[in-house]
């Protein structure tokens, strides 16, 4: 067995783990990143999510925005179509940065490798030990089959909901709050299709649909679908027919569909987001509906909070940030959950497909009227999307 030592072991090489590693390096805190998948897999993996205004400013404060976000365009406006009628709401002055998640991840890897960071892809059989003691350890098997044991001061669990970090916490230690959003289900479609001018959401008699940019020649579409439906129920002809109707765009050009998936919306929050020397970051601690674009951004805010807390503990012997980590993160998480739930309920109950009943449908339509008629309501929406409130 190879025995090693570092200050922080970061379990997971997605946006949360890689961002955390970049921030820790700027705090002169040594770390090792363990990722079970290969670098090639990470490079090619397509994930939803763009960088909100507040996260872009956070990265700017760390001196990382130029290298991570580059010249990615900003857009603070949303085009909302209600029964085909278009409305543009929001404020470009506080827009999100249209940098797709996979681009952010590739840029993070490039920056970290250029700086000589210790990134270890293909780390198998990762296991966490001694989390409630003073010196936890993390073991894993490398690509050559050799077993490693890394002693550390802290473990950052950035490996998602299905990762080893969350399940390493004994049952009953964390309070878990879950919500299934009434079985609401989407078909997500990645296609080689021209992106919209603004992020686009639409409400119609056939249900909700959305169209978001994923690069100069790629788009991600969402279609509300039945809870029992599968990908097999959605051949490409049906996908494009439904998108044209729901988006109110009969001339929408079809492109090659490269990925489809059906998923049910759910929300999960763990409290606290730590156990002993283990701190959960991003999806390992919380899951949120994708509507509102908060999932990845919450993970990056978690990374920022944890990096600052470790910096203070290591260099100033001040553990207040570690003690307050869950409270600080959960305040933002619950606000994001509320916004995402409000947007999800409003856009889906407003369509007949949701079978929400006349009262909920009437309320949702009234909310849409306010959003499209009031500059103040539009400004609030923009601030919520940007992560400012």
Protein backbone atom coordinates (compact mmCIF):
# COMPACT_ATOMS: atom_id res chain seq x y z
CA UNK A 1 0.00 0.00 0.00
CA UNK A 2 1.19 3.50 -0.89
CA UNK A 3 0.73 5.83 2.10
CA UNK A 4 0.43 9.58 1.50
CA UNK A 5 -0.61 12.76 3.29
CA UNK A 6 -2.40 15.97 2.31
CA UNK A 7 -4.66 18.55 3.91
CA UNK A 8 -7.88 17.95 1.92
CA UNK A 9 -8.92 14.94 -0.10
CA UNK A 10 -11.51 16.02 -2.66
CA UNK A 11 -13.66 13.06 -3.68
CA UNK A 12 -15.17 13.77 -7.09
CA UNK A 13 -13.84 15.56 -10.16
CA UNK A 14 -16.97 17.32 -11.42
CA UNK A 15 -17.56 21.07 -11.31
CA UNK A 16 -17.80 21.16 -7.49
CA UNK A 17 -14.64 19.16 -6.83
CA UNK A 18 -12.54 20.83 -9.51
CA UNK A 19 -13.65 24.31 -8.47
CA UNK A 20 -12.89 23.51 -4.85
CA UNK A 21 -9.41 22.31 -5.80
CA UNK A 22 -8.75 25.52 -7.73
CA UNK A 23 -9.89 27.64 -4.77
CA UNK A 24 -7.86 25.64 -2.24
CA UNK A 25 -4.74 26.14 -4.34
CA UNK A 26 -5.32 29.89 -4.15
CA UNK A 27 -5.48 29.54 -0.37
CA UNK A 28 -2.17 27.58 -0.24
CA UNK A 29 -4.03 24.53 1.04
CA UNK A 30 -2.71 21.22 -0.39
CA UNK A 31 -5.29 18.82 -1.81
CA UNK A 32 -5.66 15.68 -3.89
CA UNK A 33 -8.65 15.15 -6.21
CA UNK A 34 -9.93 11.59 -6.74
CA UNK A 35 -12.30 10.93 -9.65
CA UNK A 36 -13.57 7.44 -10.43
CA UNK A 37 -14.06 8.11 -14.16
CA UNK A 38 -11.41 8.72 -16.78
CA UNK A 39 -10.45 12.19 -17.94
CA UNK A 40 -11.76 11.31 -21.41
CA UNK A 41 -15.18 10.50 -19.93
CA UNK A 42 -15.24 13.76 -17.96
CA UNK A 43 -14.24 15.76 -21.05
CA UNK A 44 -17.07 14.34 -23.15
CA UNK A 45 -19.82 14.19 -20.53
CA UNK A 46 -22.71 16.52 -21.34
CA UNK A 47 -24.46 18.15 -18.40
CA UNK A 48 -26.97 20.94 -18.10
CA UNK A 49 -26.18 24.19 -16.35
CA UNK A 50 -24.78 27.65 -16.98
CA UNK A 51 -22.95 29.99 -14.64
CA UNK A 52 -25.16 32.51 -12.84
CA UNK A 53 -24.13 36.14 -12.36
CA UNK A 54 -23.28 35.77 -8.69
CA UNK A 55 -21.01 32.76 -9.30
CA UNK A 56 -19.27 34.60 -12.14
CA UNK A 57 -18.53 37.44 -9.71
CA UNK A 58 -17.30 34.91 -7.14
CA UNK A 59 -14.88 33.39 -9.66
CA UNK A 60 -13.79 36.90 -10.62
CA UNK A 61 -12.93 37.58 -6.99
CA UNK A 62 -10.70 34.50 -6.93
CA UNK A 63 -8.96 35.60 -10.15
CA UNK A 64 -10.41 32.67 -12.13
CA UNK A 65 -13.17 34.15 -14.27
CA UNK A 66 -11.07 34.99 -17.32
CA UNK A 67 -9.58 31.51 -17.63
CA UNK A 68 -12.71 29.57 -16.72
CA UNK A 69 -15.42 31.59 -18.45
CA UNK A 70 -13.38 33.27 -21.19
CA UNK A 71 -15.49 35.31 -23.56
CA UNK A 72 -18.71 33.35 -22.97
CA UNK A 73 -21.68 35.65 -23.65
CA UNK A 74 -23.99 36.90 -20.94
CA UNK A 75 -27.77 36.91 -21.10
CA UNK A 76 -30.04 38.04 -18.32
CA UNK A 77 -33.24 37.84 -20.35
CA UNK A 78 -35.73 35.04 -20.71
CA UNK A 79 -38.13 34.62 -23.59
CA UNK A 80 -41.39 33.24 -22.27
CA UNK A 81 -44.04 32.04 -24.70
CA UNK A 82 -47.57 31.60 -23.42
CA UNK A 83 -49.80 29.84 -25.94
CA UNK A 84 -47.36 31.00 -28.64
CA UNK A 85 -47.31 34.68 -27.61
CA UNK A 86 -43.71 35.81 -26.91
CA UNK A 87 -42.62 37.94 -23.97
CA UNK A 88 -39.05 38.93 -23.06
CA UNK A 89 -38.48 39.46 -19.35
CA UNK A 90 -35.40 40.04 -17.23
CA UNK A 91 -32.40 42.34 -17.28
CA UNK A 92 -29.25 41.86 -19.34
CA UNK A 93 -27.29 43.97 -16.87
CA UNK A 94 -27.39 41.06 -14.39
CA UNK A 95 -27.31 38.16 -16.78
CA UNK A 96 -26.03 34.64 -16.46
CA UNK A 97 -22.85 33.61 -18.26
CA UNK A 98 -23.69 31.18 -21.05
CA UNK A 99 -20.76 28.89 -20.33
CA UNK A 100 -21.99 25.27 -20.51
CA UNK A 101 -21.04 23.01 -17.64
CA UNK A 102 -18.84 20.74 -19.74
CA UNK A 103 -16.84 23.76 -20.98
CA UNK A 104 -16.37 24.96 -17.40
CA UNK A 105 -15.14 21.50 -16.38
CA UNK A 106 -12.65 21.28 -19.27
CA UNK A 107 -11.33 24.74 -18.45
CA UNK A 108 -10.97 23.81 -14.78
CA UNK A 109 -8.99 20.69 -15.67
CA UNK A 110 -6.71 22.69 -17.96
CA UNK A 111 -6.09 25.34 -15.30
CA UNK A 112 -5.39 22.78 -12.57
CA UNK A 113 -3.03 20.69 -14.68
CA UNK A 114 -1.20 23.81 -15.84
CA UNK A 115 -0.68 24.66 -12.16
CA UNK A 116 0.56 21.18 -11.29
CA UNK A 117 -2.48 20.16 -9.26
CA UNK A 118 -2.80 16.54 -8.15
CA UNK A 119 -5.77 15.21 -10.15
CA UNK A 120 -6.18 11.43 -10.13
CA UNK A 121 -8.65 10.01 -12.64
CA UNK A 122 -9.72 6.36 -12.67
CA UNK A 123 -9.60 6.10 -8.86
CA UNK A 124 -11.51 2.91 -8.03
CA UNK A 125 -12.80 1.47 -4.75
CA UNK A 126 -12.71 4.82 -2.96
CA UNK A 127 -13.52 4.42 0.73
CA UNK A 128 -13.57 6.90 3.63
CA UNK A 129 -12.31 5.97 7.11
CA UNK A 130 -12.12 7.57 10.53
CA UNK A 131 -14.29 10.54 9.65
CA UNK A 132 -15.04 11.43 13.28
CA UNK A 133 -11.40 11.26 14.36
CA UNK A 134 -8.61 13.82 14.10
CA UNK A 135 -6.91 12.13 11.13
CA UNK A 136 -9.34 10.60 8.60
CA UNK A 137 -8.00 8.52 5.73
CA UNK A 138 -9.20 7.83 2.20
CA UNK A 139 -8.24 4.64 0.38
CA UNK A 140 -8.51 3.91 -3.34
CA UNK A 141 -7.06 1.68 -6.04
CA UNK A 142 -5.33 3.36 -8.98
CA UNK A 143 -5.49 2.42 -12.68
CA UNK A 144 -2.52 0.03 -12.25
CA UNK A 145 -4.28 -1.76 -9.40
CA UNK A 146 -2.11 -0.37 -6.61
CA UNK A 147 -3.82 0.48 -3.31
CA UNK A 148 -3.31 3.96 -1.82
CA UNK A 149 -4.09 5.34 1.62
CA UNK A 150 -4.18 9.14 1.99
CA UNK A 151 -4.17 10.67 5.44
CA UNK A 152 -5.74 14.12 5.64
CA UNK A 153 -7.31 16.75 7.84
CA UNK A 154 -10.56 17.07 5.88
CA UNK A 155 -12.53 15.16 3.26
CA UNK A 156 -14.67 17.08 0.76
CA UNK A 157 -17.45 14.90 -0.63
CA UNK A 158 -18.03 16.30 -4.13
CA UNK A 159 -19.06 13.03 -5.79
CA UNK A 160 -22.79 13.56 -6.20
CA UNK A 161 -25.88 11.93 -4.78
CA UNK A 162 -24.84 8.41 -5.79
CA UNK A 163 -21.23 8.79 -4.65
CA UNK A 164 -19.43 7.15 -1.76
CA UNK A 165 -19.26 10.31 0.39
CA UNK A 166 -22.92 10.67 1.29
CA UNK A 167 -23.41 6.96 1.96
CA UNK A 168 -20.35 6.97 4.25
CA UNK A 169 -22.38 8.96 6.79
CA UNK A 170 -24.12 6.58 9.23
CA UNK A 171 -27.88 6.37 8.87
CA UNK A 172 -29.74 8.78 11.12
CA UNK A 173 -26.94 11.32 11.43
CA UNK A 174 -28.33 13.64 8.76
CA UNK A 175 -31.89 14.94 8.58
CA UNK A 176 -33.14 14.32 5.03
CA UNK A 177 -35.94 16.39 3.49
CA UNK A 178 -37.35 15.11 0.19
CA UNK A 179 -40.02 16.25 -2.26
CA UNK A 180 -41.06 14.51 -5.49
CA UNK A 181 -42.96 17.44 -7.12
CA UNK A 182 -46.03 15.31 -7.69
CA UNK A 183 -44.33 12.96 -10.12
CA UNK A 184 -43.58 15.73 -12.62
CA UNK A 185 -41.46 14.26 -15.42
CA UNK A 186 -39.39 15.68 -18.29
CA UNK A 187 -37.81 14.36 -21.43
CA UNK A 188 -34.45 16.08 -21.94
CA UNK A 189 -33.06 16.23 -25.47
CA UNK A 190 -29.55 17.22 -26.54
CA UNK A 191 -29.42 18.03 -30.25
CA UNK A 192 -27.22 19.57 -32.91
CA UNK A 193 -29.53 22.53 -33.38
CA UNK A 194 -29.06 26.30 -33.42
CA UNK A 195 -29.46 27.84 -29.96
CA UNK A 196 -32.17 30.41 -29.23
CA UNK A 197 -31.44 34.13 -28.95
CA UNK A 198 -32.44 34.03 -25.28
CA UNK A 199 -33.15 31.08 -22.96
CA UNK A 200 -36.68 30.07 -23.92
CA UNK A 201 -39.53 28.54 -21.90
CA UNK A 202 -43.03 27.94 -23.18
CA UNK A 203 -46.44 27.07 -21.77
CA UNK A 204 -49.08 25.48 -24.02
CA UNK A 205 -52.05 23.13 -24.03
CA UNK A 206 -49.69 20.20 -24.62
CA UNK A 207 -47.50 21.03 -21.64
CA UNK A 208 -44.24 22.75 -20.82
CA UNK A 209 -41.23 22.99 -23.15
CA UNK A 210 -37.88 24.79 -23.01
CA UNK A 211 -34.95 25.51 -25.31
CA UNK A 212 -31.49 26.45 -23.99
CA UNK A 213 -28.11 27.01 -25.62
CA UNK A 214 -25.38 24.42 -25.09
CA UNK A 215 -22.78 25.95 -27.40
CA UNK A 216 -22.73 27.65 -30.81
CA UNK A 217 -24.27 24.68 -32.61
CA UNK A 218 -25.95 22.68 -29.86
CA UNK A 219 -29.16 23.00 -27.86
CA UNK A 220 -30.79 21.30 -24.94
CA UNK A 221 -34.58 20.95 -25.06
CA UNK A 222 -37.00 19.90 -22.33
CA UNK A 223 -40.47 18.45 -22.84
CA UNK A 224 -42.93 17.73 -20.07
CA UNK A 225 -44.06 14.13 -20.46
CA UNK A 226 -46.09 11.45 -18.74
CA UNK A 227 -44.68 9.82 -15.62
CA UNK A 228 -44.88 6.35 -17.20
CA UNK A 229 -43.27 7.34 -20.51
CA UNK A 230 -39.79 6.23 -21.53
CA UNK A 231 -37.30 7.30 -24.17
CA UNK A 232 -38.81 4.64 -26.46
CA UNK A 233 -42.08 6.62 -26.47
CA UNK A 234 -40.28 9.62 -27.97
CA UNK A 235 -38.95 8.96 -31.48
CA UNK A 236 -37.28 11.95 -33.14
CA UNK A 237 -40.33 12.73 -35.28
CA UNK A 238 -42.51 13.10 -32.18
CA UNK A 239 -39.85 15.17 -30.39
CA UNK A 240 -39.66 17.78 -33.15
CA UNK A 241 -43.43 17.82 -33.70
CA UNK A 242 -44.05 18.49 -30.01
CA UNK A 243 -41.29 21.11 -29.77
CA UNK A 244 -42.67 23.05 -32.75
CA UNK A 245 -46.15 23.12 -31.23
CA UNK A 246 -45.20 23.85 -27.62
CA UNK A 247 -42.55 26.45 -28.46
CA UNK A 248 -44.91 28.14 -30.93
CA UNK A 249 -42.31 27.80 -33.69
CA UNK A 250 -43.63 25.83 -36.70
CA UNK A 251 -40.39 26.50 -38.56
CA UNK A 252 -38.07 25.10 -35.90
CA UNK A 253 -35.35 23.20 -37.76
CA UNK A 254 -34.66 19.64 -36.70
CA UNK A 255 -31.11 18.58 -35.92
CA UNK A 256 -29.45 15.32 -35.03
CA UNK A 257 -30.54 14.17 -31.57
CA UNK A 258 -27.44 13.05 -29.69
CA UNK A 259 -28.89 12.25 -26.27
CA UNK A 260 -32.29 11.73 -24.66
CA UNK A 261 -33.28 10.92 -21.10
CA UNK A 262 -36.49 10.82 -19.07
CA UNK A 263 -36.26 11.93 -15.45
CA UNK A 264 -38.65 12.80 -12.63
CA UNK A 265 -38.18 16.04 -10.72
CA UNK A 266 -37.17 15.74 -7.08
CA UNK A 267 -35.65 17.81 -4.32
CA UNK A 268 -33.43 16.46 -1.53
CA UNK A 269 -31.73 18.44 1.26
CA UNK A 270 -29.39 16.97 3.89
CA UNK A 271 -28.89 18.83 7.16
CA UNK A 272 -26.20 19.20 8.36
CA UNK A 273 -23.93 19.01 5.33
CA UNK A 274 -21.09 17.53 7.36
CA UNK A 275 -20.14 14.60 9.55
CA UNK A 276 -16.96 14.84 11.58
CA UNK A 277 -14.18 15.74 9.15
CA UNK A 278 -16.35 15.04 6.08
CA UNK A 279 -18.04 18.00 4.39
CA UNK A 280 -20.61 17.40 1.64
CA UNK A 281 -20.45 19.73 -1.35
CA UNK A 282 -22.99 20.09 -4.19
CA UNK A 283 -25.22 17.18 -5.21
CA UNK A 284 -23.84 14.99 -2.43
CA UNK A 285 -25.75 17.28 -0.04
CA UNK A 286 -28.70 18.55 -2.07
CA UNK A 287 -30.68 17.92 -5.26
CA UNK A 288 -32.84 20.56 -6.92
CA UNK A 289 -35.13 20.71 -9.94
CA UNK A 290 -33.17 21.92 -13.00
CA UNK A 291 -35.70 24.65 -13.74
CA UNK A 292 -34.03 27.84 -12.60
CA UNK A 293 -30.49 26.59 -13.31
CA UNK A 294 -29.47 26.43 -9.65
CA UNK A 295 -27.93 22.96 -9.24
CA UNK A 296 -24.39 23.58 -10.48
CA UNK A 297 -24.34 27.12 -9.11
CA UNK A 298 -25.26 25.96 -5.62
CA UNK A 299 -22.40 23.45 -5.81
CA UNK A 300 -19.93 26.20 -6.71
CA UNK A 301 -21.19 28.39 -3.85
CA UNK A 302 -20.67 25.40 -1.51
CA UNK A 303 -17.10 25.06 -2.80
CA UNK A 304 -16.46 28.75 -2.16
CA UNK A 305 -17.81 28.52 1.41
CA UNK A 306 -15.79 25.40 2.21
CA UNK A 307 -12.55 26.73 0.71
CA UNK A 308 -12.80 29.89 2.82
CA UNK A 309 -13.59 27.85 5.94
CA UNK A 310 -10.59 25.54 5.43
CA UNK A 311 -8.31 28.49 4.70
CA UNK A 312 -9.29 30.09 8.02
CA UNK A 313 -8.88 26.81 9.91
CA UNK A 314 -5.47 25.98 8.42
CA UNK A 315 -3.85 29.40 8.34
CA UNK A 316 -5.59 31.25 11.20
CA UNK A 317 -6.68 28.40 13.50
CA UNK A 318 -10.20 29.80 13.15
CA UNK A 319 -12.83 27.06 12.85
CA UNK A 320 -15.90 29.32 12.83
CA UNK A 321 -16.29 28.86 9.06
CA UNK A 322 -16.28 25.08 9.39
CA UNK A 323 -18.86 25.24 12.20
CA UNK A 324 -21.05 27.58 10.15
CA UNK A 325 -20.59 25.78 6.81
CA UNK A 326 -23.97 24.02 6.80
CA UNK A 327 -25.91 27.03 8.06
CA UNK A 328 -24.40 29.37 5.46
CA UNK A 329 -24.91 26.94 2.58
CA UNK A 330 -28.40 25.80 3.58
CA UNK A 331 -29.73 29.36 3.71
CA UNK A 332 -28.84 29.78 0.03
CA UNK A 333 -30.03 26.27 -0.83
CA UNK A 334 -33.51 26.78 0.66
CA UNK A 335 -33.90 30.11 -1.15
CA UNK A 336 -32.97 28.42 -4.42
CA UNK A 337 -35.39 25.57 -3.72
CA UNK A 338 -38.19 28.07 -3.16
CA UNK A 339 -37.46 29.89 -6.44
CA UNK A 340 -37.18 26.68 -8.42
CA UNK A 341 -40.42 25.31 -6.93
CA UNK A 342 -42.25 28.58 -7.67
CA UNK A 343 -41.05 28.59 -11.28
CA UNK A 344 -41.83 24.90 -11.75
CA UNK A 345 -45.34 25.22 -10.34
CA UNK A 346 -46.08 28.40 -12.29
CA UNK A 347 -44.95 27.17 -15.70
CA UNK A 348 -46.48 23.70 -15.40
CA UNK A 349 -49.79 24.41 -13.68
CA UNK A 350 -50.47 27.08 -16.32
CA UNK A 351 -50.77 24.44 -19.04
CA UNK A 352 -53.69 22.05 -19.42
CA UNK A 353 -51.35 19.06 -19.59
CA UNK A 354 -50.52 19.40 -15.90
CA UNK A 355 -54.12 18.55 -14.92
CA UNK A 356 -53.66 20.95 -12.04
CA UNK A 357 -57.32 21.87 -11.88
CA UNK A 358 -58.95 25.22 -12.68
CA UNK A 359 -57.91 26.97 -9.46
CA UNK A 360 -54.18 26.18 -9.65
CA UNK A 361 -54.22 26.86 -13.38
CA UNK A 362 -55.86 30.22 -12.82
CA UNK A 363 -53.32 31.17 -10.16
CA UNK A 364 -50.44 30.15 -12.41
CA UNK A 365 -51.80 32.17 -15.31
CA UNK A 366 -52.15 35.19 -13.01
CA UNK A 367 -48.50 34.83 -11.99
CA UNK A 368 -47.45 34.72 -15.65
CA UNK A 369 -49.53 37.82 -16.36
CA UNK A 370 -47.77 39.67 -13.56
CA UNK A 371 -44.37 38.48 -14.74
CA UNK A 372 -44.97 39.66 -18.30
CA UNK A 373 -46.83 42.89 -17.45
CA UNK A 374 -44.73 44.28 -14.59
CA UNK A 375 -41.17 45.61 -14.96
CA UNK A 376 -40.75 45.20 -11.21
CA UNK A 377 -41.74 41.53 -11.37
CA UNK A 378 -39.38 41.04 -14.31
CA UNK A 379 -36.53 42.65 -12.39
CA UNK A 380 -37.16 40.40 -9.39
CA UNK A 381 -37.13 37.36 -11.67
CA UNK A 382 -33.78 38.50 -13.11
CA UNK A 383 -32.31 38.96 -9.63
CA UNK A 384 -33.48 35.49 -8.57
CA UNK A 385 -32.02 33.91 -11.70
CA UNK A 386 -28.75 35.77 -11.14
CA UNK A 387 -28.47 34.55 -7.56
CA UNK A 388 -28.67 38.04 -6.08
CA UNK A 389 -31.54 37.35 -3.71
